[in-house]
């Protein structure tokens, strides 16, 4: 279900490249609207990838346990995104890490995760969901890496880095992320009802999107290598 994250990373890489080109030319950075930020973060942090694992780990549990698990997971996820946004730009600056290198890292992670997921689907095996306490499940694997994906963290860091000292833009990013986490919470609360009617369709879609995700991960990697200068553009 992470194919959309690949498209989002590609778009984020394009925005980063445009921002760096603008800085080099000493002109204003491109405008990033709230709608665009919402779309990109929704595709990376949204509920599509949550339904099946959440239902699997709460099978047989009562509604109170499910709500409690969903609430804890969202709180952990919010804390992780807040930490990434607050510390990400500082870390990039301290280690002199360019944004295209961060995009390349996210593309590699996206490609490897997609490949592993597709191979598991074709082999007919799935990772076992271990029974654990509500707090343990909420932190791992639900909050991380299911809700807050590694490439989702990369996107937050890139957006905050592009915002620089624009407080209004940073607040916009925080509000959008909070809205998406609220949608994720609602998706978990009603996940069993949703899968009851759409379970088979979601599984088929997962296979199709998983294969496409591998190609999109490669696209992010190649595009980042062009931006870094490892691959030279064709002449003419």
Protein backbone atom coordinates (compact mmCIF):
# COMPACT_ATOMS: atom_id res chain seq x y z
CA UNK A 1 0.00 0.00 0.00
CA UNK A 2 3.00 2.27 -0.06
CA UNK A 3 3.07 3.04 -3.80
CA UNK A 4 1.62 6.46 -3.19
CA UNK A 5 4.50 7.16 -0.86
CA UNK A 6 6.86 6.62 -3.77
CA UNK A 7 5.03 9.21 -5.84
CA UNK A 8 5.08 11.55 -2.88
CA UNK A 9 8.84 11.15 -2.41
CA UNK A 10 9.38 11.86 -6.08
CA UNK A 11 7.32 15.03 -5.80
CA UNK A 12 9.18 15.99 -2.63
CA UNK A 13 12.50 15.52 -4.44
CA UNK A 14 11.29 17.77 -7.24
CA UNK A 15 10.31 20.45 -4.73
CA UNK A 16 13.70 20.18 -3.05
CA UNK A 17 15.48 20.51 -6.39
CA UNK A 18 13.40 23.56 -7.28
CA UNK A 19 14.16 25.15 -3.93
CA UNK A 20 17.90 24.64 -4.36
CA UNK A 21 17.81 26.02 -7.90
CA UNK A 22 15.92 29.06 -6.65
CA UNK A 23 18.47 29.63 -3.93
CA UNK A 24 21.31 29.38 -6.43
CA UNK A 25 19.61 31.99 -8.61
CA UNK A 26 18.79 34.16 -5.57
CA UNK A 27 15.08 34.16 -6.29
CA UNK A 28 12.12 33.23 -4.13
CA UNK A 29 11.47 29.58 -3.37
CA UNK A 30 8.44 27.96 -5.01
CA UNK A 31 5.18 28.32 -3.19
CA UNK A 32 4.04 25.16 -1.40
CA UNK A 33 0.30 25.27 -0.84
CA UNK A 34 -1.56 23.63 2.03
CA UNK A 35 -3.40 21.44 -0.48
CA UNK A 36 -0.15 20.11 -1.94
CA UNK A 37 1.34 19.46 1.49
CA UNK A 38 -1.83 17.64 2.58
CA UNK A 39 -1.86 15.44 -0.52
CA UNK A 40 1.79 14.43 -0.22
CA UNK A 41 1.67 13.73 3.52
CA UNK A 42 -1.69 11.96 3.26
CA UNK A 43 -0.24 9.56 0.71
CA UNK A 44 2.73 8.83 3.00
CA UNK A 45 1.14 8.91 6.45
CA UNK A 46 -2.50 8.22 5.58
CA UNK A 47 -4.74 5.29 6.55
CA UNK A 48 -4.57 3.10 3.42
CA UNK A 49 -1.69 1.02 4.73
CA UNK A 50 -3.12 0.72 8.26
CA UNK A 51 -6.33 -1.29 7.83
CA UNK A 52 -5.03 -4.84 7.36
CA UNK A 53 -2.29 -4.85 10.04
CA UNK A 54 -4.54 -3.13 12.59
CA UNK A 55 -7.33 -5.65 12.08
CA UNK A 56 -4.83 -8.52 12.32
CA UNK A 57 -3.37 -7.34 15.63
CA UNK A 58 -6.79 -6.61 17.19
CA UNK A 59 -8.59 -9.76 16.06
CA UNK A 60 -10.84 -10.92 18.89
CA UNK A 61 -10.27 -7.77 20.96
CA UNK A 62 -13.17 -5.66 22.20
CA UNK A 63 -13.97 -2.15 21.00
CA UNK A 64 -12.45 -0.50 24.07
CA UNK A 65 -9.08 -2.18 23.45
CA UNK A 66 -9.14 -1.13 19.79
CA UNK A 67 -9.89 2.49 20.63
CA UNK A 68 -7.21 2.55 23.30
CA UNK A 69 -4.66 1.01 20.95
CA UNK A 70 -5.54 3.47 18.19
CA UNK A 71 -5.31 6.44 20.57
CA UNK A 72 -1.92 5.39 21.95
CA UNK A 73 -0.57 4.76 18.45
CA UNK A 74 -1.63 8.21 17.28
CA UNK A 75 -0.02 9.86 20.31
CA UNK A 76 3.24 8.01 19.69
CA UNK A 77 3.06 8.91 15.99
CA UNK A 78 2.50 12.59 16.76
CA UNK A 79 5.50 12.60 19.08
CA UNK A 80 7.68 10.95 16.42
CA UNK A 81 6.67 13.48 13.75
CA UNK A 82 7.20 16.38 16.14
CA UNK A 83 10.67 15.12 16.97
CA UNK A 84 11.51 14.61 13.29
CA UNK A 85 10.35 18.08 12.36
CA UNK A 86 12.14 19.77 15.26
CA UNK A 87 15.44 17.93 15.01
CA UNK A 88 15.60 17.06 11.31
CA UNK A 89 16.69 20.43 9.95
CA UNK A 90 19.32 20.85 12.67
CA UNK A 91 20.75 17.40 11.99
CA UNK A 92 20.89 18.08 8.24
CA UNK A 93 22.71 21.34 8.86
CA UNK A 94 25.16 19.93 11.40
CA UNK A 95 26.15 17.03 9.16
CA UNK A 96 25.97 19.07 5.94
CA UNK A 97 23.46 16.64 4.39
CA UNK A 98 21.85 18.08 1.21
CA UNK A 99 18.13 17.55 0.70
CA UNK A 100 18.69 15.43 -2.47
CA UNK A 101 20.79 13.00 -0.40
CA UNK A 102 17.90 12.69 2.06
CA UNK A 103 15.55 12.01 -0.87
CA UNK A 104 17.94 9.33 -2.14
CA UNK A 105 17.94 7.67 1.27
CA UNK A 106 14.15 7.68 1.35
CA UNK A 107 14.01 6.22 -2.14
CA UNK A 108 16.32 3.36 -1.17
CA UNK A 109 14.21 2.55 1.88
CA UNK A 110 11.02 2.74 -0.16
CA UNK A 111 12.42 0.38 -2.82
CA UNK A 112 13.67 -2.21 -0.32
CA UNK A 113 10.44 -2.19 1.71
CA UNK A 114 8.35 -2.50 -1.45
CA UNK A 115 10.44 -5.39 -2.74
CA UNK A 116 10.17 -7.25 0.56
CA UNK A 117 6.41 -6.70 0.71
CA UNK A 118 5.82 -7.94 -2.85
CA UNK A 119 7.98 -11.03 -2.33
CA UNK A 120 6.00 -11.88 0.80
CA UNK A 121 2.73 -11.51 -1.10
CA UNK A 122 3.82 -13.75 -3.96
CA UNK A 123 5.25 -16.38 -1.61
CA UNK A 124 1.94 -16.58 0.21
CA UNK A 125 3.53 -15.79 3.57
CA UNK A 126 2.91 -12.84 5.82
CA UNK A 127 4.70 -11.56 8.88
CA UNK A 128 3.29 -12.93 12.12
CA UNK A 129 1.55 -10.51 14.43
CA UNK A 130 2.74 -11.15 17.96
CA UNK A 131 0.34 -10.66 20.83
CA UNK A 132 1.61 -8.07 23.24
CA UNK A 133 0.40 -5.37 25.57
CA UNK A 134 -1.55 -2.43 24.24
CA UNK A 135 1.32 -0.02 24.91
CA UNK A 136 3.86 -2.26 23.18
CA UNK A 137 1.72 -2.78 20.08
CA UNK A 138 0.90 0.92 19.88
CA UNK A 139 4.56 1.88 19.74
CA UNK A 140 5.85 -0.94 17.54
CA UNK A 141 4.79 -1.94 14.98
CA UNK A 142 1.69 0.28 14.81
CA UNK A 143 3.05 3.79 15.35
CA UNK A 144 6.37 2.94 13.74
CA UNK A 145 6.80 1.81 11.04
CA UNK A 146 3.14 1.31 9.96
CA UNK A 147 1.75 4.81 10.55
CA UNK A 148 4.96 6.84 10.62
CA UNK A 149 7.01 5.34 7.81
CA UNK A 150 10.73 6.07 7.33
CA UNK A 151 9.98 7.89 4.08
CA UNK A 152 7.19 9.80 5.84
CA UNK A 153 9.76 11.07 8.33
CA UNK A 154 12.01 12.01 5.42
CA UNK A 155 9.16 14.03 3.88
CA UNK A 156 8.53 15.92 7.14
CA UNK A 157 12.22 16.79 7.42
CA UNK A 158 12.32 17.98 3.79
CA UNK A 159 9.23 20.18 4.20
CA UNK A 160 10.54 21.74 7.42
CA UNK A 161 13.91 22.34 5.76
CA UNK A 162 12.21 24.04 2.82
CA UNK A 163 10.17 26.20 5.23
CA UNK A 164 13.40 27.56 6.77
CA UNK A 165 12.33 30.44 9.07
CA UNK A 166 8.76 30.73 7.74
CA UNK A 167 6.76 30.15 10.94
CA UNK A 168 3.41 30.24 9.12
CA UNK A 169 4.50 27.45 6.78
CA UNK A 170 5.78 25.36 9.67
CA UNK A 171 2.45 25.75 11.46
CA UNK A 172 0.67 24.74 8.27
CA UNK A 173 2.76 21.57 8.05
CA UNK A 174 1.96 20.77 11.70
CA UNK A 175 -1.78 21.32 11.17
CA UNK A 176 -1.83 19.13 8.08
CA UNK A 177 0.03 16.35 9.86
CA UNK A 178 -2.38 16.57 12.81
CA UNK A 179 -5.39 16.34 10.48
CA UNK A 180 -3.97 13.24 8.79
CA UNK A 181 -3.31 11.57 12.15
CA UNK A 182 -6.95 12.24 13.08
CA UNK A 183 -8.03 10.50 9.87
CA UNK A 184 -5.73 7.60 10.76
CA UNK A 185 -7.37 7.32 14.18
CA UNK A 186 -10.85 7.20 12.63
CA UNK A 187 -9.64 4.57 10.15
CA UNK A 188 -8.40 2.34 12.97
CA UNK A 189 -11.58 2.74 14.98
CA UNK A 190 -13.69 1.61 12.00
CA UNK A 191 -11.10 -0.70 10.40
CA UNK A 192 -12.98 -3.93 11.09
CA UNK A 193 -16.15 -2.62 9.44
CA UNK A 194 -14.22 -1.33 6.42
CA UNK A 195 -12.38 -4.62 5.83
CA UNK A 196 -15.58 -6.57 6.21
CA UNK A 197 -16.81 -5.04 2.96
CA UNK A 198 -13.58 -4.13 1.14
CA UNK A 199 -11.03 -6.65 2.42
CA UNK A 200 -10.57 -8.63 -0.81
CA UNK A 201 -10.40 -5.50 -2.94
CA UNK A 202 -7.76 -3.99 -0.66
CA UNK A 203 -5.62 -7.15 -0.85
CA UNK A 204 -5.74 -7.18 -4.66
CA UNK A 205 -4.95 -3.48 -4.74
CA UNK A 206 -2.00 -4.07 -2.40
CA UNK A 207 -0.38 -6.45 -4.89
CA UNK A 208 -0.85 -4.09 -7.84
CA UNK A 209 0.35 -1.04 -5.95
CA UNK A 210 3.26 -2.93 -4.39
CA UNK A 211 4.72 -3.78 -7.81
CA UNK A 212 4.28 -0.20 -8.97
CA UNK A 213 5.91 1.01 -5.76
CA UNK A 214 9.15 -0.77 -6.66
CA UNK A 215 9.32 1.15 -9.93
CA UNK A 216 8.57 4.43 -8.17
CA UNK A 217 11.28 3.75 -5.61
CA UNK A 218 13.76 3.28 -8.43
CA UNK A 219 12.53 6.51 -10.00
CA UNK A 220 13.23 8.43 -6.78
CA UNK A 221 16.73 6.90 -6.59
CA UNK A 222 17.59 7.77 -10.20
CA UNK A 223 16.15 11.28 -9.92
CA UNK A 224 18.13 11.91 -6.73
CA UNK A 225 21.34 10.70 -8.39
CA UNK A 226 20.74 13.20 -11.21
CA UNK A 227 20.21 15.98 -8.65
CA UNK A 228 23.38 15.07 -6.78
CA UNK A 229 25.37 14.87 -10.00
CA UNK A 230 26.34 11.20 -9.83
CA UNK A 231 24.51 10.61 -13.13
CA UNK A 232 25.13 13.19 -15.83
CA UNK A 233 22.18 14.23 -18.02
CA UNK A 234 22.26 13.20 -21.66
CA UNK A 235 23.72 15.72 -24.03
CA UNK A 236 21.38 17.26 -26.55
